[in-house]
N, C-alpha and C. Protein backbone atom coordinates (compact mmCIF):
# COMPACT_ATOMS: atom_id res chain seq x y z
N MET A 1 -51.24 23.93 38.30
CA MET A 1 -51.92 25.16 38.10
C MET A 1 -51.84 25.83 36.93
N SER A 2 -52.78 26.53 36.23
CA SER A 2 -52.86 27.19 35.25
C SER A 2 -51.92 28.33 35.21
N GLY A 3 -50.92 28.63 34.08
CA GLY A 3 -50.15 29.85 34.33
C GLY A 3 -51.09 31.24 33.87
N LEU A 4 -51.99 31.18 33.60
CA LEU A 4 -53.17 32.31 33.01
C LEU A 4 -53.61 33.08 34.01
N GLY A 5 -53.72 34.45 33.95
CA GLY A 5 -54.14 35.14 35.12
C GLY A 5 -55.78 34.80 35.07
N THR A 6 -56.39 35.53 36.12
CA THR A 6 -58.06 35.63 36.30
C THR A 6 -58.59 35.87 35.25
N ARG A 7 -58.17 37.01 34.58
CA ARG A 7 -59.04 37.72 33.67
C ARG A 7 -58.81 36.61 32.35
N ASP A 8 -57.82 36.13 32.07
CA ASP A 8 -57.72 35.20 30.85
C ASP A 8 -58.42 33.86 31.28
N GLN A 9 -58.35 33.35 32.27
CA GLN A 9 -59.08 32.09 32.57
C GLN A 9 -60.67 32.66 32.54
N ILE A 10 -61.16 33.76 32.86
CA ILE A 10 -62.64 33.96 32.74
C ILE A 10 -63.16 34.27 31.23
N LEU A 11 -61.80 34.84 30.24
CA LEU A 11 -62.29 34.89 28.91
C LEU A 11 -61.97 33.45 28.23
N ASP A 12 -61.22 32.61 28.79
CA ASP A 12 -61.18 31.29 28.25
C ASP A 12 -62.50 30.40 28.31
N ALA A 13 -63.11 30.84 29.51
CA ALA A 13 -64.30 30.00 30.15
C ALA A 13 -65.51 30.69 29.54
N ALA A 14 -65.49 32.12 29.24
CA ALA A 14 -66.65 32.75 28.47
C ALA A 14 -66.69 32.28 27.13
N ALA A 15 -65.56 32.12 26.56
CA ALA A 15 -65.56 31.75 24.91
C ALA A 15 -66.11 30.51 24.69
N HIS A 16 -65.78 29.16 25.72
CA HIS A 16 -66.13 28.12 25.62
C HIS A 16 -67.97 28.01 26.11
N VAL A 17 -68.10 28.65 27.15
CA VAL A 17 -69.81 28.62 27.22
C VAL A 17 -70.55 29.07 26.09
N MET A 18 -69.97 30.37 25.88
CA MET A 18 -70.97 31.02 24.67
C MET A 18 -70.80 30.10 23.34
N ARG A 19 -69.71 29.46 23.10
CA ARG A 19 -69.81 28.65 22.02
C ARG A 19 -70.81 27.53 22.23
N THR A 20 -70.76 26.83 23.25
CA THR A 20 -71.48 26.02 23.58
C THR A 20 -73.35 26.20 23.55
N ARG A 21 -73.45 27.18 24.56
CA ARG A 21 -74.68 27.54 24.56
C ARG A 21 -75.37 28.94 23.83
N GLY A 22 -74.30 29.34 23.07
CA GLY A 22 -74.98 30.86 22.79
C GLY A 22 -75.05 31.95 23.67
N PHE A 23 -74.71 33.05 22.99
CA PHE A 23 -74.74 34.48 23.70
C PHE A 23 -76.00 34.54 24.72
N ALA A 24 -77.23 34.40 24.13
CA ALA A 24 -78.81 34.73 24.86
C ALA A 24 -78.73 33.64 25.84
N ARG A 25 -78.10 32.65 25.59
CA ARG A 25 -78.77 31.52 26.76
C ARG A 25 -77.36 31.49 28.02
N THR A 26 -76.40 32.11 27.73
CA THR A 26 -75.19 32.37 28.57
C THR A 26 -75.37 33.01 29.68
N THR A 27 -75.14 32.95 30.99
CA THR A 27 -75.19 33.57 32.10
C THR A 27 -74.06 33.83 32.70
N THR A 28 -73.56 35.25 33.38
CA THR A 28 -72.51 35.52 33.95
C THR A 28 -72.05 34.24 35.18
N LYS A 29 -73.23 33.88 35.58
CA LYS A 29 -72.97 33.02 36.51
C LYS A 29 -72.40 31.71 35.94
N GLU A 30 -72.87 31.30 34.86
CA GLU A 30 -72.14 29.94 34.65
C GLU A 30 -70.83 30.30 33.88
N ILE A 31 -70.62 31.38 33.65
CA ILE A 31 -69.25 31.54 32.98
C ILE A 31 -68.23 31.47 34.17
N ALA A 32 -68.70 32.33 35.40
CA ALA A 32 -67.92 32.56 36.51
C ALA A 32 -67.69 31.08 37.22
N ARG A 33 -68.59 30.20 36.96
CA ARG A 33 -68.70 28.57 37.50
C ARG A 33 -67.84 28.07 36.77
N ALA A 34 -67.44 28.32 35.48
CA ALA A 34 -66.87 27.29 34.50
C ALA A 34 -65.32 27.93 34.75
N ALA A 35 -64.82 29.18 34.98
CA ALA A 35 -63.77 29.71 35.29
C ALA A 35 -63.11 29.33 36.80
N GLY A 36 -64.26 28.89 37.49
CA GLY A 36 -63.61 28.43 38.99
C GLY A 36 -63.37 29.93 39.81
N TYR A 37 -64.42 30.73 39.49
CA TYR A 37 -64.41 32.00 40.28
C TYR A 37 -65.85 32.39 40.68
N SER A 38 -65.88 33.48 41.36
CA SER A 38 -67.27 33.99 41.79
C SER A 38 -67.62 35.03 40.80
N GLU A 39 -69.21 35.27 40.66
CA GLU A 39 -69.42 36.21 39.79
C GLU A 39 -68.89 37.58 40.35
N ALA A 40 -68.58 37.86 41.56
CA ALA A 40 -68.12 39.23 42.11
C ALA A 40 -66.84 39.18 41.65
N THR A 41 -66.02 38.13 41.02
CA THR A 41 -64.56 38.45 40.78
C THR A 41 -64.84 38.64 39.08
N LEU A 42 -65.62 38.23 38.59
CA LEU A 42 -66.04 38.25 36.96
C LEU A 42 -66.21 39.93 36.87
N TYR A 43 -67.07 40.45 37.62
CA TYR A 43 -67.28 41.66 37.53
C TYR A 43 -66.24 42.73 38.04
N LYS A 44 -65.21 42.15 38.42
CA LYS A 44 -63.95 42.86 38.81
C LYS A 44 -63.24 43.48 37.53
N HIS A 45 -63.33 42.56 36.69
CA HIS A 45 -62.54 42.40 35.36
C HIS A 45 -63.56 42.95 33.88
N PHE A 46 -65.02 42.60 34.30
CA PHE A 46 -65.73 43.03 33.11
C PHE A 46 -66.78 43.66 33.91
N GLN A 47 -67.53 44.97 32.68
CA GLN A 47 -68.66 45.38 33.52
C GLN A 47 -70.12 44.37 33.31
N ASP A 48 -69.96 43.85 32.09
CA ASP A 48 -71.29 42.98 32.21
C ASP A 48 -71.04 41.99 31.05
N LYS A 49 -72.29 41.18 30.60
CA LYS A 49 -72.05 40.10 29.92
C LYS A 49 -71.84 40.75 28.36
N SER A 50 -71.94 41.82 27.74
CA SER A 50 -71.83 42.62 26.60
C SER A 50 -70.28 42.82 26.80
N ASP A 51 -69.63 43.33 27.56
CA ASP A 51 -68.38 43.46 27.79
C ASP A 51 -67.45 42.22 27.67
N LEU A 52 -67.79 41.14 28.40
CA LEU A 52 -67.13 39.87 28.38
C LEU A 52 -67.51 39.48 26.75
N PHE A 53 -68.43 39.75 26.32
CA PHE A 53 -68.98 39.03 24.64
C PHE A 53 -67.65 39.92 23.62
N LEU A 54 -67.43 40.99 23.78
CA LEU A 54 -66.54 41.89 23.07
C LEU A 54 -65.21 41.41 23.24
N ALA A 55 -64.75 41.12 24.45
CA ALA A 55 -63.69 40.84 24.89
C ALA A 55 -63.34 39.42 24.01
N VAL A 56 -64.28 38.47 24.31
CA VAL A 56 -64.05 37.28 23.35
C VAL A 56 -63.96 37.61 22.16
N LEU A 57 -64.76 38.36 21.35
CA LEU A 57 -64.62 38.87 20.03
C LEU A 57 -63.30 39.14 19.66
N HIS A 58 -62.75 40.12 20.63
CA HIS A 58 -61.39 40.78 20.10
C HIS A 58 -60.48 39.82 20.50
N GLU A 59 -60.23 39.37 21.66
CA GLU A 59 -59.32 38.61 21.98
C GLU A 59 -59.00 36.83 22.12
N ARG A 60 -60.29 36.47 21.57
CA ARG A 60 -60.30 34.89 21.57
C ARG A 60 -60.80 34.60 20.04
N LEU A 61 -61.42 35.33 19.27
CA LEU A 61 -61.49 34.94 17.79
C LEU A 61 -60.65 35.39 17.09
N PRO A 62 -60.39 34.52 15.66
CA PRO A 62 -59.30 35.28 14.95
C PRO A 62 -59.29 36.55 14.47
N SER A 63 -58.28 37.13 14.49
CA SER A 63 -58.17 38.56 14.30
C SER A 63 -58.59 39.00 13.11
N PHE A 64 -59.53 40.06 12.86
CA PHE A 64 -60.03 40.68 11.78
C PHE A 64 -59.83 42.33 11.80
N ARG A 65 -60.28 42.85 12.50
CA ARG A 65 -60.21 44.13 12.34
C ARG A 65 -59.06 44.82 12.55
N PRO A 66 -58.13 44.44 13.45
CA PRO A 66 -56.61 44.69 13.50
C PRO A 66 -55.92 45.02 12.00
N LEU A 67 -56.11 43.85 11.54
CA LEU A 67 -55.79 43.36 9.66
C LEU A 67 -56.23 44.68 9.16
N LEU A 68 -57.54 45.07 9.14
CA LEU A 68 -57.98 45.96 8.28
C LEU A 68 -57.43 47.27 8.71
N ALA A 69 -57.32 47.70 9.85
CA ALA A 69 -56.75 48.75 10.35
C ALA A 69 -55.08 49.12 9.97
N ASP A 70 -54.48 47.75 10.15
CA ASP A 70 -53.15 48.14 9.54
C ASP A 70 -53.36 48.37 8.05
N LEU A 71 -54.06 47.74 7.13
CA LEU A 71 -54.03 47.85 5.90
C LEU A 71 -54.52 49.63 5.51
N ALA A 72 -55.18 50.24 6.33
CA ALA A 72 -55.94 51.24 6.07
C ALA A 72 -54.62 52.44 6.33
N ARG A 73 -53.88 52.00 7.30
CA ARG A 73 -52.98 52.87 7.59
C ARG A 73 -51.38 52.96 6.62
N ASP A 74 -51.58 52.00 5.77
CA ASP A 74 -50.54 51.67 5.05
C ASP A 74 -50.78 51.05 3.84
N PRO A 75 -51.72 51.89 3.02
CA PRO A 75 -52.01 51.53 1.38
C PRO A 75 -50.82 51.74 0.67
N GLY A 76 -51.13 50.91 -0.27
CA GLY A 76 -49.96 50.79 -1.25
C GLY A 76 -48.91 49.46 -0.90
N ARG A 77 -49.02 48.85 0.33
CA ARG A 77 -48.25 47.96 0.33
C ARG A 77 -48.71 46.60 0.03
N GLY A 78 -47.97 46.07 -0.47
CA GLY A 78 -48.19 44.47 -1.13
C GLY A 78 -49.03 44.70 -2.32
N SER A 79 -49.52 43.38 -2.93
CA SER A 79 -50.40 43.66 -3.96
C SER A 79 -51.88 43.67 -3.39
N LEU A 80 -52.43 44.55 -4.22
CA LEU A 80 -53.96 44.51 -3.77
C LEU A 80 -54.75 43.31 -3.55
N SER A 81 -54.66 42.65 -4.70
CA SER A 81 -55.08 41.16 -4.96
C SER A 81 -54.92 40.16 -3.41
N ASP A 82 -53.62 40.38 -3.03
CA ASP A 82 -53.22 39.44 -2.01
C ASP A 82 -53.80 40.24 -0.95
N ASN A 83 -54.04 41.27 -0.34
CA ASN A 83 -54.34 42.23 0.70
C ASN A 83 -55.97 41.54 0.93
N LEU A 84 -56.67 41.67 -0.32
CA LEU A 84 -57.99 41.23 -0.35
C LEU A 84 -57.96 39.91 0.09
N ALA A 85 -57.40 39.10 -0.57
CA ALA A 85 -57.40 37.68 -0.30
C ALA A 85 -57.42 37.41 1.10
N THR A 86 -56.22 37.90 1.95
CA THR A 86 -56.02 37.74 3.20
C THR A 86 -57.19 38.01 4.09
N THR A 87 -57.58 39.49 3.78
CA THR A 87 -59.01 39.89 4.26
C THR A 87 -60.14 39.00 4.12
N ALA A 88 -60.43 38.43 2.80
CA ALA A 88 -61.41 37.23 3.06
C ALA A 88 -61.15 36.17 3.82
N ARG A 89 -60.02 35.59 3.84
CA ARG A 89 -59.52 34.55 4.78
C ARG A 89 -59.80 34.79 6.15
N SER A 90 -59.40 35.84 6.44
CA SER A 90 -59.48 36.42 8.10
C SER A 90 -60.93 36.71 8.39
N ALA A 91 -61.96 37.23 7.35
CA ALA A 91 -63.50 37.28 7.61
C ALA A 91 -63.90 36.18 7.72
N ILE A 92 -63.46 35.11 6.86
CA ILE A 92 -64.21 33.86 7.12
C ILE A 92 -64.01 33.14 8.20
N ALA A 93 -62.80 33.15 8.68
CA ALA A 93 -62.29 32.73 10.07
C ALA A 93 -63.14 33.12 11.14
N PHE A 94 -63.13 34.46 11.18
CA PHE A 94 -63.88 35.26 12.18
C PHE A 94 -65.22 34.95 12.31
N TYR A 95 -65.92 34.88 11.06
CA TYR A 95 -67.41 34.51 11.20
C TYR A 95 -67.55 33.14 11.46
N LEU A 96 -66.86 32.18 10.96
CA LEU A 96 -67.15 31.15 11.31
C LEU A 96 -66.98 30.69 12.89
N GLU A 97 -66.13 31.47 13.55
CA GLU A 97 -65.73 31.06 15.00
C GLU A 97 -67.12 32.10 15.76
N GLY A 98 -67.58 33.00 14.78
CA GLY A 98 -68.44 33.81 15.47
C GLY A 98 -69.90 33.60 15.99
N PHE A 99 -70.21 32.83 14.54
CA PHE A 99 -71.66 32.31 14.58
C PHE A 99 -72.11 31.49 15.71
N PRO A 100 -71.37 30.58 16.13
CA PRO A 100 -71.80 29.72 17.33
C PRO A 100 -72.11 30.60 18.62
N VAL A 101 -71.08 31.78 18.76
CA VAL A 101 -71.16 32.33 19.97
C VAL A 101 -72.54 33.57 19.95
N SER A 102 -72.53 33.97 18.75
CA SER A 102 -73.57 35.13 18.86
C SER A 102 -75.13 35.07 17.96
N ALA A 103 -74.96 33.94 17.39
CA ALA A 103 -76.42 33.68 16.71
C ALA A 103 -77.55 33.72 17.34
N SER A 104 -77.65 33.16 18.69
CA SER A 104 -78.61 33.02 19.64
C SER A 104 -79.13 34.25 20.07
N ILE A 105 -78.56 35.29 19.84
CA ILE A 105 -78.76 36.90 20.49
C ILE A 105 -80.30 37.26 19.54
N PHE A 106 -80.04 36.74 18.34
CA PHE A 106 -81.27 37.00 17.53
C PHE A 106 -82.59 36.57 17.75
N SER A 107 -82.54 35.71 18.72
CA SER A 107 -83.68 35.03 18.91
C SER A 107 -84.49 35.76 20.13
N GLU A 108 -84.06 36.81 20.69
CA GLU A 108 -84.86 37.57 21.97
C GLU A 108 -84.39 38.96 21.37
N PRO A 109 -85.51 39.72 20.60
CA PRO A 109 -85.34 41.08 20.24
C PRO A 109 -85.01 42.05 21.44
N GLU A 110 -85.40 41.80 22.43
CA GLU A 110 -85.34 42.88 23.80
C GLU A 110 -83.68 42.64 23.83
N LEU A 111 -83.19 41.24 24.15
CA LEU A 111 -81.87 41.33 24.30
C LEU A 111 -80.82 41.97 23.58
N LEU A 112 -81.21 41.46 21.97
CA LEU A 112 -80.41 42.05 20.93
C LEU A 112 -80.40 43.72 21.08
N ALA A 113 -81.72 44.01 21.15
CA ALA A 113 -81.57 45.92 21.51
C ALA A 113 -80.72 46.02 22.47
N ALA A 114 -80.79 45.60 23.77
CA ALA A 114 -79.96 45.85 24.63
C ALA A 114 -78.52 45.56 24.53
N HIS A 115 -78.23 44.55 23.67
CA HIS A 115 -76.79 44.35 23.55
C HIS A 115 -76.37 45.09 22.46
N SER A 116 -77.13 45.58 21.29
CA SER A 116 -76.93 46.53 20.38
C SER A 116 -76.54 48.09 20.93
N ALA A 117 -77.29 48.31 21.75
CA ALA A 117 -77.12 49.80 22.35
C ALA A 117 -75.79 49.66 23.32
N ALA A 118 -75.66 48.43 23.87
CA ALA A 118 -74.32 48.41 24.84
C ALA A 118 -73.14 48.39 24.29
N ILE A 119 -73.01 48.04 23.21
CA ILE A 119 -71.83 47.81 22.06
C ILE A 119 -71.60 49.14 21.14
N THR A 120 -72.66 49.78 21.01
CA THR A 120 -72.74 51.03 20.30
C THR A 120 -72.06 52.18 21.45
N ARG A 121 -72.47 52.03 22.67
CA ARG A 121 -71.59 52.74 23.82
C ARG A 121 -70.16 52.58 23.67
N ARG A 122 -69.62 51.45 23.40
CA ARG A 122 -68.27 50.96 23.71
C ARG A 122 -67.62 51.31 22.30
N GLY A 123 -68.25 51.99 21.27
CA GLY A 123 -67.77 52.40 19.99
C GLY A 123 -67.46 50.98 19.37
N ALA A 124 -68.00 50.05 19.45
CA ALA A 124 -67.90 48.88 18.70
C ALA A 124 -69.30 48.64 17.85
N GLY A 125 -69.10 47.18 17.01
CA GLY A 125 -70.43 46.84 16.38
C GLY A 125 -70.11 46.28 15.08
N PRO A 126 -70.60 45.54 14.36
CA PRO A 126 -70.52 44.80 13.03
C PRO A 126 -70.40 45.60 11.83
N HIS A 127 -70.93 46.77 12.05
CA HIS A 127 -70.54 47.60 10.77
C HIS A 127 -69.01 48.23 10.41
N LEU A 128 -68.24 48.15 11.59
CA LEU A 128 -67.19 48.91 11.40
C LEU A 128 -66.09 48.18 10.64
N PRO A 129 -66.15 46.88 10.65
CA PRO A 129 -64.97 46.21 9.57
C PRO A 129 -65.54 46.57 8.21
N MET A 130 -66.45 46.60 7.71
CA MET A 130 -66.99 47.19 6.36
C MET A 130 -66.52 48.60 6.34
N GLN A 131 -66.57 49.68 7.20
CA GLN A 131 -66.19 50.77 7.16
C GLN A 131 -64.75 50.81 6.99
N GLU A 132 -63.85 50.00 7.53
CA GLU A 132 -62.61 50.05 7.58
C GLU A 132 -62.02 49.38 6.33
N LEU A 133 -62.65 48.46 5.89
CA LEU A 133 -62.17 48.18 4.53
C LEU A 133 -62.29 48.80 3.62
N ALA A 134 -63.57 49.73 3.38
CA ALA A 134 -63.88 50.73 2.40
C ALA A 134 -62.93 51.79 2.82
N ARG A 135 -62.34 52.26 4.10
CA ARG A 135 -61.44 53.32 3.94
C ARG A 135 -60.36 52.99 3.30
N TYR A 136 -59.92 51.57 3.56
CA TYR A 136 -58.78 51.07 2.80
C TYR A 136 -58.63 51.15 1.57
N LEU A 137 -59.71 50.55 0.87
CA LEU A 137 -59.70 50.66 -0.67
C LEU A 137 -60.08 52.01 -0.94
N ARG A 138 -60.59 53.11 -0.43
CA ARG A 138 -60.30 54.27 -0.91
C ARG A 138 -59.13 54.86 -0.78
N ALA A 139 -58.28 54.45 0.16
CA ALA A 139 -56.94 55.08 0.24
C ALA A 139 -56.01 54.32 -1.18
N GLU A 140 -56.28 53.12 -1.44
CA GLU A 140 -55.59 52.47 -2.74
C GLU A 140 -56.17 53.14 -3.77
N GLN A 141 -57.47 53.81 -3.82
CA GLN A 141 -58.24 54.43 -5.11
C GLN A 141 -57.21 55.77 -5.14
N GLN A 142 -56.93 56.45 -4.02
CA GLN A 142 -56.18 57.67 -4.27
C GLN A 142 -54.82 57.54 -4.88
N LEU A 143 -54.05 56.07 -4.46
CA LEU A 143 -52.80 56.15 -4.85
C LEU A 143 -52.93 55.24 -6.57
N GLY A 144 -54.18 55.16 -7.15
CA GLY A 144 -53.96 54.80 -8.49
C GLY A 144 -54.36 53.41 -8.64
N ARG A 145 -54.35 52.49 -7.50
CA ARG A 145 -54.37 50.98 -7.71
C ARG A 145 -55.77 50.61 -8.04
N ILE A 146 -56.93 51.41 -7.72
CA ILE A 146 -58.24 51.24 -7.90
C ILE A 146 -58.62 52.16 -8.93
N ARG A 147 -59.31 51.70 -10.05
CA ARG A 147 -60.01 52.76 -11.00
C ARG A 147 -60.86 53.76 -10.20
N PRO A 148 -60.61 55.04 -10.97
CA PRO A 148 -61.62 56.09 -10.00
C PRO A 148 -63.03 56.00 -10.03
N GLY A 149 -63.78 55.46 -10.97
CA GLY A 149 -65.00 55.22 -10.65
C GLY A 149 -65.74 54.00 -9.80
N ALA A 150 -64.58 53.53 -9.31
CA ALA A 150 -65.06 52.12 -8.51
C ALA A 150 -65.87 52.50 -7.20
N ASP A 151 -66.88 51.83 -6.80
CA ASP A 151 -67.51 52.06 -5.48
C ASP A 151 -67.12 51.34 -4.31
N CYS A 152 -66.11 51.94 -3.44
CA CYS A 152 -65.45 51.23 -2.57
C CYS A 152 -66.35 50.75 -1.42
N ASP A 153 -67.34 51.58 -1.24
CA ASP A 153 -68.33 50.95 -0.18
C ASP A 153 -68.71 49.81 -0.38
N ALA A 154 -69.30 49.65 -2.03
CA ALA A 154 -69.93 48.51 -2.41
C ALA A 154 -69.09 47.28 -2.46
N ALA A 155 -67.76 47.73 -2.86
CA ALA A 155 -66.68 46.52 -3.12
C ALA A 155 -66.58 46.00 -1.56
N ALA A 156 -66.67 46.98 -0.83
CA ALA A 156 -66.30 46.17 0.85
C ALA A 156 -67.50 45.57 1.24
N ALA A 157 -68.77 45.92 0.75
CA ALA A 157 -69.91 44.93 1.16
C ALA A 157 -69.89 43.57 0.50
N LEU A 158 -69.57 43.74 -0.73
CA LEU A 158 -69.56 42.56 -1.46
C LEU A 158 -68.49 41.45 -1.17
N LEU A 159 -67.46 42.00 -0.77
CA LEU A 159 -66.47 41.22 -0.25
C LEU A 159 -66.81 40.56 1.15
N LEU A 160 -67.21 41.27 2.02
CA LEU A 160 -67.71 40.73 3.38
C LEU A 160 -68.82 39.76 3.43
N GLY A 161 -69.73 40.51 2.46
CA GLY A 161 -71.10 39.79 2.62
C GLY A 161 -70.79 38.31 1.90
N ALA A 162 -69.80 38.29 0.73
CA ALA A 162 -69.41 36.99 0.42
C ALA A 162 -69.09 36.18 1.41
N CYS A 163 -68.10 36.60 2.40
CA CYS A 163 -67.24 35.86 3.23
C CYS A 163 -68.37 35.42 4.36
N PHE A 164 -69.38 36.38 4.67
CA PHE A 164 -70.43 36.17 5.75
C PHE A 164 -71.16 34.95 5.38
N GLN A 165 -71.76 35.00 4.17
CA GLN A 165 -72.63 34.16 3.58
C GLN A 165 -71.98 32.62 3.48
N TYR A 166 -70.64 32.52 3.15
CA TYR A 166 -70.04 31.44 3.10
C TYR A 166 -70.04 30.80 4.48
N ALA A 167 -69.63 31.69 5.38
CA ALA A 167 -69.25 30.90 6.80
C ALA A 167 -70.77 30.66 7.28
N PHE A 168 -71.83 31.35 6.92
CA PHE A 168 -73.08 31.22 7.56
C PHE A 168 -73.81 29.60 7.01
N LEU A 169 -73.41 29.47 5.83
CA LEU A 169 -73.61 28.17 4.95
C LEU A 169 -72.93 26.99 5.44
N ARG A 170 -71.93 27.34 5.68
CA ARG A 170 -71.07 26.12 6.41
C ARG A 170 -71.28 25.91 7.71
N SER A 171 -71.84 26.94 8.49
CA SER A 171 -72.23 26.52 9.95
C SER A 171 -73.50 26.13 10.10
N PHE A 172 -74.67 26.51 8.89
CA PHE A 172 -75.74 26.02 9.14
C PHE A 172 -75.95 24.45 8.72
N PHE A 173 -74.87 24.00 7.76
CA PHE A 173 -74.90 22.59 7.36
C PHE A 173 -73.99 21.82 7.96
N GLN A 174 -73.24 22.64 9.11
CA GLN A 174 -72.26 21.99 9.83
C GLN A 174 -71.26 21.14 9.11
N GLN A 175 -70.64 22.00 8.47
CA GLN A 175 -69.41 21.34 7.39
C GLN A 175 -68.55 22.25 7.28
N ALA A 176 -67.52 22.13 8.27
CA ALA A 176 -66.55 22.90 8.39
C ALA A 176 -65.41 22.83 7.56
N PRO A 177 -64.92 23.96 6.89
CA PRO A 177 -64.26 23.69 5.87
C PRO A 177 -62.75 23.75 5.78
N THR A 178 -62.06 22.99 5.33
CA THR A 178 -60.80 22.55 5.13
C THR A 178 -59.98 24.01 4.92
N PRO A 179 -58.90 24.34 5.06
CA PRO A 179 -58.00 25.39 4.79
C PRO A 179 -57.87 25.52 3.55
N ALA A 180 -57.87 24.51 2.63
CA ALA A 180 -57.60 24.59 1.17
C ALA A 180 -58.78 25.33 0.62
N GLU A 181 -59.89 24.79 1.14
CA GLU A 181 -61.24 25.18 0.68
C GLU A 181 -61.34 26.84 0.91
N VAL A 182 -61.04 27.31 1.85
CA VAL A 182 -61.17 28.69 2.40
C VAL A 182 -60.39 29.20 1.40
N GLU A 183 -59.17 28.87 1.32
CA GLU A 183 -58.22 29.59 0.57
C GLU A 183 -58.77 29.80 -1.05
N GLY A 184 -59.09 28.63 -1.66
CA GLY A 184 -59.83 28.52 -2.88
C GLY A 184 -60.94 29.80 -3.09
N TYR A 185 -62.00 29.44 -2.16
CA TYR A 185 -62.96 30.39 -2.11
C TYR A 185 -62.43 31.95 -1.93
N ALA A 186 -61.61 32.10 -0.97
CA ALA A 186 -61.00 33.44 -0.77
C ALA A 186 -60.37 34.02 -2.15
N ALA A 187 -59.54 32.98 -2.72
CA ALA A 187 -59.00 33.47 -3.93
C ALA A 187 -60.02 33.82 -5.34
N ALA A 188 -61.03 33.09 -5.08
CA ALA A 188 -62.08 33.21 -6.14
C ALA A 188 -63.08 34.31 -5.98
N ILE A 189 -63.33 34.81 -5.01
CA ILE A 189 -64.03 36.02 -4.81
C ILE A 189 -63.28 37.27 -4.94
N THR A 190 -61.94 37.07 -4.48
CA THR A 190 -60.71 38.28 -4.57
C THR A 190 -60.88 38.63 -6.22
N ALA A 191 -60.77 37.28 -7.17
CA ALA A 191 -60.73 37.78 -8.25
C ALA A 191 -61.44 38.34 -9.04
N THR A 192 -62.84 37.96 -8.62
CA THR A 192 -63.92 38.59 -9.21
C THR A 192 -63.97 40.00 -8.84
N LEU A 193 -63.91 40.21 -7.74
CA LEU A 193 -63.85 41.72 -7.04
C LEU A 193 -62.84 42.49 -7.80
N MET A 194 -61.54 41.98 -8.03
CA MET A 194 -60.55 42.60 -8.72
C MET A 194 -60.95 43.20 -10.15
N THR A 195 -61.72 42.29 -10.81
CA THR A 195 -62.09 42.65 -12.12
C THR A 195 -63.24 44.02 -12.06
N GLY A 196 -63.75 44.22 -11.08
CA GLY A 196 -64.64 45.70 -11.06
C GLY A 196 -63.67 46.72 -10.54
N LEU A 197 -62.74 46.44 -9.70
CA LEU A 197 -62.00 47.33 -9.00
C LEU A 197 -60.90 48.24 -10.08
N VAL A 198 -60.43 47.23 -10.94
CA VAL A 198 -59.30 47.85 -11.63
C VAL A 198 -59.50 47.88 -13.18
N THR A 199 -60.73 47.11 -13.68
CA THR A 199 -60.88 47.21 -14.99
C THR A 199 -62.04 48.32 -15.34
N THR A 200 -61.77 48.85 -16.34
CA THR A 200 -62.97 50.00 -16.67
C THR A 200 -63.96 49.44 -17.25
N PRO A 201 -65.10 49.35 -16.97
CA PRO A 201 -66.31 48.72 -17.58
C PRO A 201 -66.41 49.64 -19.21
């Protein structure tokens, strides 16, 4: 018998079903069946499918936002370049895992609108990592590690946008990158971004 608790078993089942079928086509009934429980048991632990989705993102996909929050709380620690490269690697891992789960939601406008409203009510959303990264960069700017005229919001968008695009293309062409490839890409985009952050034009 598994040593996992009921909630963890449901989360594992939800992650598997959502990766296989996508968010839009997944039902709570399927998740409950895959976990070996009734839907009533599922609803004792999660409000709805959106609540389950958020739990999968936070607890079953690679850590991403906690890293950004930690950096923002303690700017000046480590090298700026290393911190951004670590962020890039974490973002790529998150997006690679997240695409199979969430991509299908965009095929149904009504479902997307309902899901967007649900995660907004819960204080979540895909815009938050970019805001947290920009907050970290501004903290580093105040410490003098980023030049005064650098646009931290634009820098955050460039870094995470590049990571998102990389993961999207890899997912689209079904070419899972090796750790070395991810490492090389993260280093390259970090080096390019650093030129704009620390060099006076």
